[in-house]
Amino acid sequence: DDGPFADLALLEKMPSHTAVFINYLVTDDHCDPANAFFYLISGIYQKHSNTKDLRRMATDVYNSFLSSHAPLKVDMDPSITKQIETSLRSRSTDDQYRPLFNKARDYEFQFVSK
């Protein structure tokens, strides 16, 4: 039994186990951590309580994982990336940024849940 490591939703609720998981991702030579990091960080983004920071945080997440020059570029459906880029360029209200990465998280789950 792998405990919380077998269930990503449960793992996200357990900070100490999440830290162990992140350590594993960083130190394992056979693992590309980008997909898991995107999944975890975009989940934290969605739960962030200060809506005024969401646009800045959304830009940071996009630049880190989805832009063409992202240091931790993840495999993503191009249509999803295009929707996120369009939303970031628009002058949306802060609350409209919270669900910005929902489709991207759903798409990435297939890579993370293996």
N, C-alpha and C. Protein backbone atom coordinates (compact mmCIF):
# COMPACT_ATOMS: atom_id res chain seq x y z
N ASP A 1 0.84 -1.19 0.00
CA ASP A 1 0.00 0.00 0.00
C ASP A 1 0.88 1.25 0.00
N ASP A 2 0.65 2.13 -0.96
CA ASP A 2 1.44 3.36 -1.07
C ASP A 2 0.85 4.52 -0.28
N GLY A 3 -0.25 4.29 0.42
CA GLY A 3 -0.87 5.33 1.24
C GLY A 3 -1.26 6.54 0.41
N PRO A 4 -0.98 7.74 0.92
CA PRO A 4 -1.38 8.96 0.21
C PRO A 4 -0.65 9.16 -1.12
N PHE A 5 0.45 8.45 -1.35
CA PHE A 5 1.18 8.60 -2.60
C PHE A 5 0.46 7.95 -3.77
N ALA A 6 -0.53 7.12 -3.49
CA ALA A 6 -1.30 6.48 -4.54
C ALA A 6 -2.51 7.31 -4.96
N ASP A 7 -2.80 8.37 -4.23
CA ASP A 7 -3.98 9.20 -4.51
C ASP A 7 -3.56 10.66 -4.49
N LEU A 8 -3.51 11.28 -5.66
CA LEU A 8 -3.03 12.66 -5.77
C LEU A 8 -3.89 13.64 -4.98
N ALA A 9 -5.20 13.42 -4.98
CA ALA A 9 -6.10 14.32 -4.23
C ALA A 9 -5.80 14.24 -2.74
N LEU A 10 -5.55 13.06 -2.23
CA LEU A 10 -5.21 12.89 -0.82
C LEU A 10 -3.83 13.48 -0.53
N LEU A 11 -2.90 13.27 -1.43
CA LEU A 11 -1.55 13.79 -1.26
C LEU A 11 -1.54 15.31 -1.14
N GLU A 12 -2.37 15.97 -1.94
CA GLU A 12 -2.43 17.44 -1.90
C GLU A 12 -2.90 17.97 -0.55
N LYS A 13 -3.62 17.17 0.20
CA LYS A 13 -4.15 17.60 1.50
C LYS A 13 -3.17 17.34 2.64
N MET A 14 -2.04 16.74 2.35
CA MET A 14 -1.07 16.36 3.38
C MET A 14 0.28 17.01 3.08
N PRO A 15 0.53 18.21 3.62
CA PRO A 15 1.75 18.95 3.28
C PRO A 15 3.05 18.18 3.49
N SER A 16 3.16 17.44 4.57
CA SER A 16 4.42 16.73 4.82
C SER A 16 4.65 15.63 3.78
N HIS A 17 3.59 14.95 3.39
CA HIS A 17 3.71 13.92 2.36
C HIS A 17 3.98 14.56 0.99
N THR A 18 3.38 15.73 0.76
CA THR A 18 3.65 16.45 -0.49
C THR A 18 5.12 16.83 -0.57
N ALA A 19 5.70 17.24 0.55
CA ALA A 19 7.13 17.59 0.57
C ALA A 19 7.99 16.37 0.24
N VAL A 20 7.64 15.22 0.76
CA VAL A 20 8.37 13.98 0.44
C VAL A 20 8.24 13.67 -1.05
N PHE A 21 7.04 13.83 -1.59
CA PHE A 21 6.80 13.59 -3.01
C PHE A 21 7.63 14.54 -3.87
N ILE A 22 7.66 15.81 -3.52
CA ILE A 22 8.45 16.79 -4.27
C ILE A 22 9.93 16.43 -4.20
N ASN A 23 10.41 16.02 -3.03
CA ASN A 23 11.80 15.59 -2.90
C ASN A 23 12.09 14.42 -3.84
N TYR A 24 11.18 13.47 -3.91
CA TYR A 24 11.34 12.34 -4.82
C TYR A 24 11.43 12.82 -6.27
N LEU A 25 10.54 13.74 -6.66
CA LEU A 25 10.54 14.24 -8.04
C LEU A 25 11.87 14.91 -8.39
N VAL A 26 12.40 15.66 -7.45
CA VAL A 26 13.63 16.42 -7.70
C VAL A 26 14.84 15.49 -7.75
N THR A 27 14.86 14.45 -6.95
CA THR A 27 16.06 13.62 -6.84
C THR A 27 16.05 12.39 -7.74
N ASP A 28 14.90 11.98 -8.25
CA ASP A 28 14.84 10.79 -9.10
C ASP A 28 15.32 11.13 -10.51
N ASP A 29 16.30 10.39 -10.98
CA ASP A 29 16.88 10.65 -12.31
C ASP A 29 15.98 10.22 -13.46
N HIS A 30 14.98 9.40 -13.18
CA HIS A 30 14.13 8.86 -14.23
C HIS A 30 12.79 9.58 -14.33
N CYS A 31 12.67 10.69 -13.67
CA CYS A 31 11.39 11.37 -13.59
C CYS A 31 11.53 12.82 -14.04
N ASP A 32 10.63 13.26 -14.91
CA ASP A 32 10.56 14.67 -15.28
C ASP A 32 9.51 15.31 -14.38
N PRO A 33 9.93 16.17 -13.47
CA PRO A 33 9.00 16.71 -12.48
C PRO A 33 8.06 17.80 -13.00
N ALA A 34 8.24 18.27 -14.21
CA ALA A 34 7.48 19.42 -14.70
C ALA A 34 5.97 19.21 -14.62
N ASN A 35 5.48 18.07 -15.08
CA ASN A 35 4.03 17.82 -15.08
C ASN A 35 3.47 17.82 -13.66
N ALA A 36 4.16 17.14 -12.75
CA ALA A 36 3.68 17.09 -11.37
C ALA A 36 3.75 18.46 -10.71
N PHE A 37 4.84 19.19 -10.95
CA PHE A 37 4.95 20.54 -10.39
C PHE A 37 3.83 21.44 -10.91
N PHE A 38 3.56 21.37 -12.22
CA PHE A 38 2.47 22.18 -12.77
C PHE A 38 1.15 21.82 -12.09
N TYR A 39 0.89 20.54 -11.95
CA TYR A 39 -0.37 20.10 -11.35
C TYR A 39 -0.50 20.61 -9.92
N LEU A 40 0.56 20.46 -9.14
CA LEU A 40 0.52 20.90 -7.73
C LEU A 40 0.43 22.42 -7.61
N ILE A 41 1.24 23.13 -8.37
CA ILE A 41 1.27 24.60 -8.27
C ILE A 41 -0.02 25.22 -8.80
N SER A 42 -0.56 24.69 -9.89
CA SER A 42 -1.82 25.25 -10.39
C SER A 42 -2.96 24.96 -9.41
N GLY A 43 -2.86 23.87 -8.65
CA GLY A 43 -3.84 23.60 -7.60
C GLY A 43 -3.76 24.59 -6.47
N ILE A 44 -2.54 24.93 -6.08
CA ILE A 44 -2.33 25.96 -5.05
C ILE A 44 -2.85 27.30 -5.54
N TYR A 45 -2.58 27.60 -6.81
CA TYR A 45 -3.06 28.84 -7.43
C TYR A 45 -4.58 28.95 -7.30
N GLN A 46 -5.30 27.87 -7.60
CA GLN A 46 -6.76 27.90 -7.55
C GLN A 46 -7.29 28.17 -6.15
N LYS A 47 -6.56 27.74 -5.14
CA LYS A 47 -7.01 27.88 -3.76
C LYS A 47 -6.54 29.18 -3.11
N HIS A 48 -5.74 29.96 -3.82
CA HIS A 48 -5.21 31.20 -3.26
C HIS A 48 -6.36 32.15 -2.93
N SER A 49 -6.33 32.70 -1.75
CA SER A 49 -7.47 33.49 -1.28
C SER A 49 -7.46 34.95 -1.74
N ASN A 50 -6.30 35.49 -2.03
CA ASN A 50 -6.22 36.90 -2.41
C ASN A 50 -6.40 37.05 -3.92
N THR A 51 -7.61 37.44 -4.33
CA THR A 51 -7.90 37.53 -5.76
C THR A 51 -7.07 38.60 -6.46
N LYS A 52 -6.59 39.58 -5.75
CA LYS A 52 -5.79 40.64 -6.38
C LYS A 52 -4.45 40.10 -6.89
N ASP A 53 -3.96 39.02 -6.33
CA ASP A 53 -2.69 38.43 -6.76
C ASP A 53 -2.85 37.43 -7.89
N LEU A 54 -4.07 37.04 -8.22
CA LEU A 54 -4.28 35.95 -9.17
C LEU A 54 -3.72 36.25 -10.56
N ARG A 55 -3.88 37.46 -11.05
CA ARG A 55 -3.37 37.77 -12.40
C ARG A 55 -1.85 37.64 -12.44
N ARG A 56 -1.16 38.16 -11.44
CA ARG A 56 0.30 38.05 -11.39
C ARG A 56 0.71 36.59 -11.27
N MET A 57 0.03 35.87 -10.39
CA MET A 57 0.36 34.46 -10.21
C MET A 57 0.07 33.65 -11.47
N ALA A 58 -1.02 33.98 -12.17
CA ALA A 58 -1.36 33.28 -13.41
C ALA A 58 -0.26 33.48 -14.45
N THR A 59 0.25 34.69 -14.53
CA THR A 59 1.34 34.98 -15.46
C THR A 59 2.58 34.18 -15.08
N ASP A 60 2.87 34.09 -13.79
CA ASP A 60 4.02 33.31 -13.33
C ASP A 60 3.87 31.83 -13.68
N VAL A 61 2.69 31.28 -13.44
CA VAL A 61 2.45 29.87 -13.76
C VAL A 61 2.59 29.65 -15.27
N TYR A 62 1.99 30.53 -16.06
CA TYR A 62 2.09 30.42 -17.51
C TYR A 62 3.56 30.48 -17.97
N ASN A 63 4.29 31.46 -17.48
CA ASN A 63 5.69 31.62 -17.90
C ASN A 63 6.58 30.46 -17.45
N SER A 64 6.24 29.84 -16.34
CA SER A 64 7.05 28.75 -15.82
C SER A 64 6.77 27.41 -16.50
N PHE A 65 5.53 27.20 -16.97
CA PHE A 65 5.16 25.88 -17.46
C PHE A 65 4.59 25.82 -18.87
N LEU A 66 4.01 26.89 -19.39
CA LEU A 66 3.26 26.80 -20.64
C LEU A 66 3.82 27.62 -21.79
N SER A 67 4.55 28.67 -21.51
CA SER A 67 5.06 29.50 -22.61
C SER A 67 6.09 28.73 -23.41
N SER A 68 6.36 29.18 -24.61
CA SER A 68 7.30 28.45 -25.48
C SER A 68 8.71 28.40 -24.92
N HIS A 69 9.06 29.33 -24.03
CA HIS A 69 10.40 29.37 -23.44
C HIS A 69 10.38 29.00 -21.95
N ALA A 70 9.34 28.30 -21.52
CA ALA A 70 9.20 27.95 -20.09
C ALA A 70 10.32 27.02 -19.64
N PRO A 71 10.91 27.30 -18.48
CA PRO A 71 11.98 26.43 -17.99
C PRO A 71 11.49 25.03 -17.61
N LEU A 72 10.21 24.90 -17.26
CA LEU A 72 9.64 23.60 -16.92
C LEU A 72 8.47 23.30 -17.86
N LYS A 73 8.71 23.41 -19.14
CA LYS A 73 7.67 23.25 -20.17
C LYS A 73 6.98 21.89 -20.03
N VAL A 74 5.65 21.94 -19.98
CA VAL A 74 4.86 20.72 -19.89
C VAL A 74 4.19 20.43 -21.23
N ASP A 75 3.87 19.16 -21.45
CA ASP A 75 3.09 18.79 -22.62
C ASP A 75 1.67 19.28 -22.40
N MET A 76 1.17 20.06 -23.35
CA MET A 76 -0.16 20.63 -23.18
C MET A 76 -0.85 20.70 -24.53
N ASP A 77 -2.13 20.48 -24.53
CA ASP A 77 -2.94 20.64 -25.73
C ASP A 77 -2.81 22.10 -26.18
N PRO A 78 -2.38 22.35 -27.41
CA PRO A 78 -2.19 23.74 -27.87
C PRO A 78 -3.43 24.60 -27.76
N SER A 79 -4.62 24.02 -27.91
CA SER A 79 -5.84 24.83 -27.81
C SER A 79 -6.05 25.33 -26.38
N ILE A 80 -5.65 24.53 -25.40
CA ILE A 80 -5.76 24.95 -24.00
C ILE A 80 -4.77 26.08 -23.72
N THR A 81 -3.56 25.93 -24.21
CA THR A 81 -2.55 26.98 -24.03
C THR A 81 -3.03 28.28 -24.67
N LYS A 82 -3.62 28.19 -25.85
CA LYS A 82 -4.12 29.38 -26.56
C LYS A 82 -5.22 30.07 -25.75
N GLN A 83 -6.12 29.30 -25.14
CA GLN A 83 -7.18 29.89 -24.33
C GLN A 83 -6.59 30.63 -23.13
N ILE A 84 -5.57 30.06 -22.52
CA ILE A 84 -4.93 30.70 -21.36
C ILE A 84 -4.24 31.98 -21.80
N GLU A 85 -3.53 31.94 -22.92
CA GLU A 85 -2.86 33.14 -23.44
C GLU A 85 -3.88 34.25 -23.72
N THR A 86 -4.99 33.90 -24.32
CA THR A 86 -6.04 34.88 -24.62
C THR A 86 -6.59 35.50 -23.34
N SER A 87 -6.83 34.67 -22.35
CA SER A 87 -7.35 35.17 -21.07
C SER A 87 -6.35 36.09 -20.38
N LEU A 88 -5.07 35.75 -20.45
CA LEU A 88 -4.06 36.58 -19.81
C LEU A 88 -3.93 37.95 -20.50
N ARG A 89 -4.17 37.99 -21.80
CA ARG A 89 -4.09 39.26 -22.53
C ARG A 89 -5.33 40.13 -22.34
N SER A 90 -6.44 39.52 -21.96
CA SER A 90 -7.68 40.28 -21.79
C SER A 90 -7.65 41.03 -20.47
N ARG A 91 -8.55 41.95 -20.32
CA ARG A 91 -8.64 42.71 -19.08
C ARG A 91 -9.78 42.14 -18.23
N SER A 92 -9.65 40.88 -17.88
CA SER A 92 -10.67 40.20 -17.07
C SER A 92 -10.62 40.69 -15.64
N THR A 93 -11.72 40.49 -14.94
CA THR A 93 -11.72 40.81 -13.51
C THR A 93 -10.89 39.76 -12.78
N ASP A 94 -10.42 40.10 -11.60
CA ASP A 94 -9.55 39.20 -10.85
C ASP A 94 -10.20 37.84 -10.59
N ASP A 95 -11.50 37.81 -10.29
CA ASP A 95 -12.19 36.55 -10.01
C ASP A 95 -12.22 35.61 -11.22
N GLN A 96 -12.15 36.17 -12.41
CA GLN A 96 -12.19 35.33 -13.61
C GLN A 96 -10.88 34.57 -13.84
N TYR A 97 -9.85 34.89 -13.08
CA TYR A 97 -8.58 34.18 -13.23
C TYR A 97 -8.53 32.88 -12.43
N ARG A 98 -9.36 32.73 -11.42
CA ARG A 98 -9.30 31.54 -10.57
C ARG A 98 -9.45 30.24 -11.38
N PRO A 99 -10.43 30.11 -12.28
CA PRO A 99 -10.56 28.85 -13.03
C PRO A 99 -9.67 28.75 -14.27
N LEU A 100 -8.74 29.67 -14.43
CA LEU A 100 -7.94 29.76 -15.65
C LEU A 100 -7.24 28.45 -16.02
N PHE A 101 -6.73 27.73 -15.05
CA PHE A 101 -5.94 26.53 -15.33
C PHE A 101 -6.73 25.23 -15.14
N ASN A 102 -8.05 25.30 -14.99
CA ASN A 102 -8.84 24.08 -14.77
C ASN A 102 -8.66 23.05 -15.88
N LYS A 103 -8.83 23.46 -17.13
CA LYS A 103 -8.68 22.52 -18.25
C LYS A 103 -7.26 22.01 -18.35
N ALA A 104 -6.29 22.88 -18.09
CA ALA A 104 -4.89 22.47 -18.15
C ALA A 104 -4.58 21.44 -17.07
N ARG A 105 -5.12 21.64 -15.88
CA ARG A 105 -4.93 20.66 -14.79
C ARG A 105 -5.56 19.32 -15.17
N ASP A 106 -6.76 19.36 -15.71
CA ASP A 106 -7.42 18.12 -16.13
C ASP A 106 -6.59 17.40 -17.19
N TYR A 107 -6.04 18.15 -18.13
CA TYR A 107 -5.20 17.57 -19.18
C TYR A 107 -3.93 16.96 -18.58
N GLU A 108 -3.29 17.66 -17.67
CA GLU A 108 -2.03 17.19 -17.07
C GLU A 108 -2.22 15.98 -16.17
N PHE A 109 -3.42 15.81 -15.66
CA PHE A 109 -3.67 14.69 -14.74
C PHE A 109 -3.31 13.35 -15.38
N GLN A 110 -3.49 13.25 -16.69
CA GLN A 110 -3.16 11.99 -17.37
C GLN A 110 -1.68 11.65 -17.26
N PHE A 111 -0.83 12.66 -17.20
CA PHE A 111 0.62 12.44 -17.09
C PHE A 111 1.05 12.21 -15.65
N VAL A 112 0.37 12.87 -14.74
CA VAL A 112 0.74 12.82 -13.33
C VAL A 112 0.22 11.55 -12.66
N SER A 113 -0.90 11.05 -13.11
CA SER A 113 -1.53 9.93 -12.43
C SER A 113 -0.94 8.57 -12.82
N LYS A 114 0.02 8.55 -13.70
CA LYS A 114 0.64 7.27 -14.12
C LYS A 114 1.49 6.68 -13.03
